[in-house]
């Protein structure tokens, strides 16, 4: 998978945020050897869903699929977190996953 990066269109309004996103988050944290990209994606999707961060969730669900997680695994993780992070959070996340799979024809 190509290295992730912040959207270039944000450079005009927040160049430092884009820089540290690319250098620190995607250039260091995502590249550390302690967890595989697959595992990092599972953690990221779970936290975004649990914290009701719907704007970032579709992108990271796509990254998770590219990093080797299956739709079934993501669905199971979202179902599991419903009981710890709340039903509305899980329902929002599963709707994002459904939309993504329909968009990709999966």
C-alpha atoms as a PDB file:
ATOM      1  CA  UNK A   1       0.000   0.000   0.000  1.00  0.00           C
ATOM      2  CA  UNK A   2       1.302   3.476  -0.780  1.00  0.00           C
ATOM      3  CA  UNK A   3       2.257   5.579   2.186  1.00  0.00           C
ATOM      4  CA  UNK A   4      -0.660   7.580   3.550  1.00  0.00           C
ATOM      5  CA  UNK A   5      -0.653  11.363   3.509  1.00  0.00           C
ATOM      6  CA  UNK A   6      -2.857  14.255   4.477  1.00  0.00           C
ATOM      7  CA  UNK A   7      -4.994  15.763   1.712  1.00  0.00           C
ATOM      8  CA  UNK A   8      -2.851  18.200  -0.292  1.00  0.00           C
ATOM      9  CA  UNK A   9      -5.695  20.701  -0.549  1.00  0.00           C
ATOM     10  CA  UNK A  10      -5.328  21.361   3.178  1.00  0.00           C
ATOM     11  CA  UNK A  11      -1.802  22.726   2.688  1.00  0.00           C
ATOM     12  CA  UNK A  12      -3.161  26.138   1.694  1.00  0.00           C
ATOM     13  CA  UNK A  13      -4.995  26.605   4.985  1.00  0.00           C
ATOM     14  CA  UNK A  14      -2.999  24.462   7.417  1.00  0.00           C
ATOM     15  CA  UNK A  15       0.477  23.738   6.062  1.00  0.00           C
ATOM     16  CA  UNK A  16       1.954  22.836   9.458  1.00  0.00           C
ATOM     17  CA  UNK A  17      -0.889  20.414  10.234  1.00  0.00           C
ATOM     18  CA  UNK A  18      -0.320  18.676   6.894  1.00  0.00           C
ATOM     19  CA  UNK A  19       3.435  18.580   7.515  1.00  0.00           C
ATOM     20  CA  UNK A  20       3.201  17.002  10.966  1.00  0.00           C
ATOM     21  CA  UNK A  21       0.459  14.625   9.834  1.00  0.00           C
ATOM     22  CA  UNK A  22       2.690  13.363   7.049  1.00  0.00           C
ATOM     23  CA  UNK A  23       5.971  13.356   8.974  1.00  0.00           C
ATOM     24  CA  UNK A  24       4.890  12.306  12.463  1.00  0.00           C
ATOM     25  CA  UNK A  25       1.627  10.377  12.123  1.00  0.00           C
ATOM     26  CA  UNK A  26       2.106   8.681   8.763  1.00  0.00           C
ATOM     27  CA  UNK A  27       5.908   8.910   8.565  1.00  0.00           C
ATOM     28  CA  UNK A  28       6.708   7.711  12.095  1.00  0.00           C
ATOM     29  CA  UNK A  29       3.764   6.317  14.063  1.00  0.00           C
ATOM     30  CA  UNK A  30       2.248   4.231  11.246  1.00  0.00           C
ATOM     31  CA  UNK A  31       5.713   2.940  10.288  1.00  0.00           C
ATOM     32  CA  UNK A  32       6.823   1.715  13.724  1.00  0.00           C
ATOM     33  CA  UNK A  33       7.622  -2.005  13.822  1.00  0.00           C
ATOM     34  CA  UNK A  34       5.616  -2.878  16.961  1.00  0.00           C
ATOM     35  CA  UNK A  35       2.326  -3.418  15.119  1.00  0.00           C
ATOM     36  CA  UNK A  36       1.577  -4.440  11.567  1.00  0.00           C
ATOM     37  CA  UNK A  37      -0.304  -1.996   9.309  1.00  0.00           C
ATOM     38  CA  UNK A  38      -3.268  -4.402   9.559  1.00  0.00           C
ATOM     39  CA  UNK A  39      -3.262  -4.200  13.355  1.00  0.00           C
ATOM     40  CA  UNK A  40      -2.826  -0.427  13.303  1.00  0.00           C
ATOM     41  CA  UNK A  41      -5.838  -0.181  11.005  1.00  0.00           C
ATOM     42  CA  UNK A  42      -7.952  -2.313  13.340  1.00  0.00           C
ATOM     43  CA  UNK A  43      -7.011  -0.093  16.275  1.00  0.00           C
ATOM     44  CA  UNK A  44      -7.604   3.094  14.283  1.00  0.00           C
ATOM     45  CA  UNK A  45     -11.004   2.045  12.945  1.00  0.00           C
ATOM     46  CA  UNK A  46     -12.092   0.884  16.398  1.00  0.00           C
ATOM     47  CA  UNK A  47     -11.085   4.136  18.060  1.00  0.00           C
ATOM     48  CA  UNK A  48     -12.643   6.300  15.349  1.00  0.00           C
ATOM     49  CA  UNK A  49     -15.887   4.348  15.641  1.00  0.00           C
ATOM     50  CA  UNK A  50     -15.847   4.406  19.442  1.00  0.00           C
ATOM     51  CA  UNK A  51     -15.237   8.156  19.522  1.00  0.00           C
ATOM     52  CA  UNK A  52     -17.876   8.822  16.837  1.00  0.00           C
ATOM     53  CA  UNK A  53     -15.395  10.306  14.375  1.00  0.00           C
ATOM     54  CA  UNK A  54     -17.484   9.694  11.270  1.00  0.00           C
ATOM     55  CA  UNK A  55     -15.636  12.137   9.037  1.00  0.00           C
ATOM     56  CA  UNK A  56     -12.361  10.192   9.275  1.00  0.00           C
ATOM     57  CA  UNK A  57     -13.914   6.724   9.424  1.00  0.00           C
ATOM     58  CA  UNK A  58     -14.583   6.075   5.700  1.00  0.00           C
ATOM     59  CA  UNK A  59     -10.972   6.826   4.760  1.00  0.00           C
ATOM     60  CA  UNK A  60      -9.603   4.541   7.461  1.00  0.00           C
ATOM     61  CA  UNK A  61     -12.060   1.754   6.664  1.00  0.00           C
ATOM     62  CA  UNK A  62     -10.655   1.832   3.139  1.00  0.00           C
ATOM     63  CA  UNK A  63      -7.091   1.760   4.467  1.00  0.00           C
ATOM     64  CA  UNK A  64      -8.064  -1.170   6.705  1.00  0.00           C
ATOM     65  CA  UNK A  65      -9.317  -3.149   3.711  1.00  0.00           C
ATOM     66  CA  UNK A  66      -6.117  -2.337   1.822  1.00  0.00           C
ATOM     67  CA  UNK A  67      -4.094  -3.421   4.867  1.00  0.00           C
ATOM     68  CA  UNK A  68      -5.659  -6.883   4.791  1.00  0.00           C
ATOM     69  CA  UNK A  69      -8.674  -6.693   7.065  1.00  0.00           C
ATOM     70  CA  UNK A  70     -11.799  -8.267   5.614  1.00  0.00           C
ATOM     71  CA  UNK A  71     -15.278  -6.765   5.619  1.00  0.00           C
ATOM     72  CA  UNK A  72     -16.299  -9.595   7.965  1.00  0.00           C
ATOM     73  CA  UNK A  73     -13.498  -8.763  10.431  1.00  0.00           C
ATOM     74  CA  UNK A  74     -14.364  -5.083  10.409  1.00  0.00           C
ATOM     75  CA  UNK A  75     -18.038  -5.883  10.880  1.00  0.00           C
ATOM     76  CA  UNK A  76     -17.205  -8.133  13.819  1.00  0.00           C
ATOM     77  CA  UNK A  77     -15.006  -5.477  15.434  1.00  0.00           C
ATOM     78  CA  UNK A  78     -17.750  -2.875  15.051  1.00  0.00           C
ATOM     79  CA  UNK A  79     -20.347  -5.272  16.476  1.00  0.00           C
ATOM     80  CA  UNK A  80     -18.072  -5.983  19.437  1.00  0.00           C
ATOM     81  CA  UNK A  81     -17.463  -2.325  20.198  1.00  0.00           C
ATOM     82  CA  UNK A  82     -21.203  -1.570  20.221  1.00  0.00           C
ATOM     83  CA  UNK A  83     -21.327  -2.944  23.745  1.00  0.00           C
ATOM     84  CA  UNK A  84     -18.374  -0.893  24.953  1.00  0.00           C
ATOM     85  CA  UNK A  85     -18.630   2.334  22.941  1.00  0.00           C
ATOM     86  CA  UNK A  86     -22.349   2.629  22.340  1.00  0.00           C
ATOM     87  CA  UNK A  87     -24.947   1.450  19.896  1.00  0.00           C
ATOM     88  CA  UNK A  88     -25.207   4.698  17.879  1.00  0.00           C
ATOM     89  CA  UNK A  89     -21.431   4.717  17.324  1.00  0.00           C
ATOM     90  CA  UNK A  90     -21.508   1.153  16.034  1.00  0.00           C
ATOM     91  CA  UNK A  91     -24.513   1.765  13.807  1.00  0.00           C
ATOM     92  CA  UNK A  92     -22.831   4.815  12.277  1.00  0.00           C
ATOM     93  CA  UNK A  93     -19.617   2.859  11.693  1.00  0.00           C
ATOM     94  CA  UNK A  94     -21.414  -0.111  10.134  1.00  0.00           C
ATOM     95  CA  UNK A  95     -23.307   2.243   7.807  1.00  0.00           C
ATOM     96  CA  UNK A  96     -19.977   3.695   6.672  1.00  0.00           C
ATOM     97  CA  UNK A  97     -18.639   0.165   6.093  1.00  0.00           C
ATOM     98  CA  UNK A  98     -21.759  -0.795   4.136  1.00  0.00           C
ATOM     99  CA  UNK A  99     -21.493   2.304   1.943  1.00  0.00           C
ATOM    100  CA  UNK A 100     -17.812   1.644   1.294  1.00  0.00           C
ATOM    101  CA  UNK A 101     -18.375  -1.983   0.327  1.00  0.00           C
ATOM    102  CA  UNK A 102     -21.219  -1.002  -1.991  1.00  0.00           C
ATOM    103  CA  UNK A 103     -19.046   1.698  -3.544  1.00  0.00           C
ATOM    104  CA  UNK A 104     -16.237  -0.806  -4.104  1.00  0.00           C
ATOM    105  CA  UNK A 105     -18.595  -3.529  -5.273  1.00  0.00           C
ATOM    106  CA  UNK A 106     -17.489  -5.880  -2.521  1.00  0.00           C
END
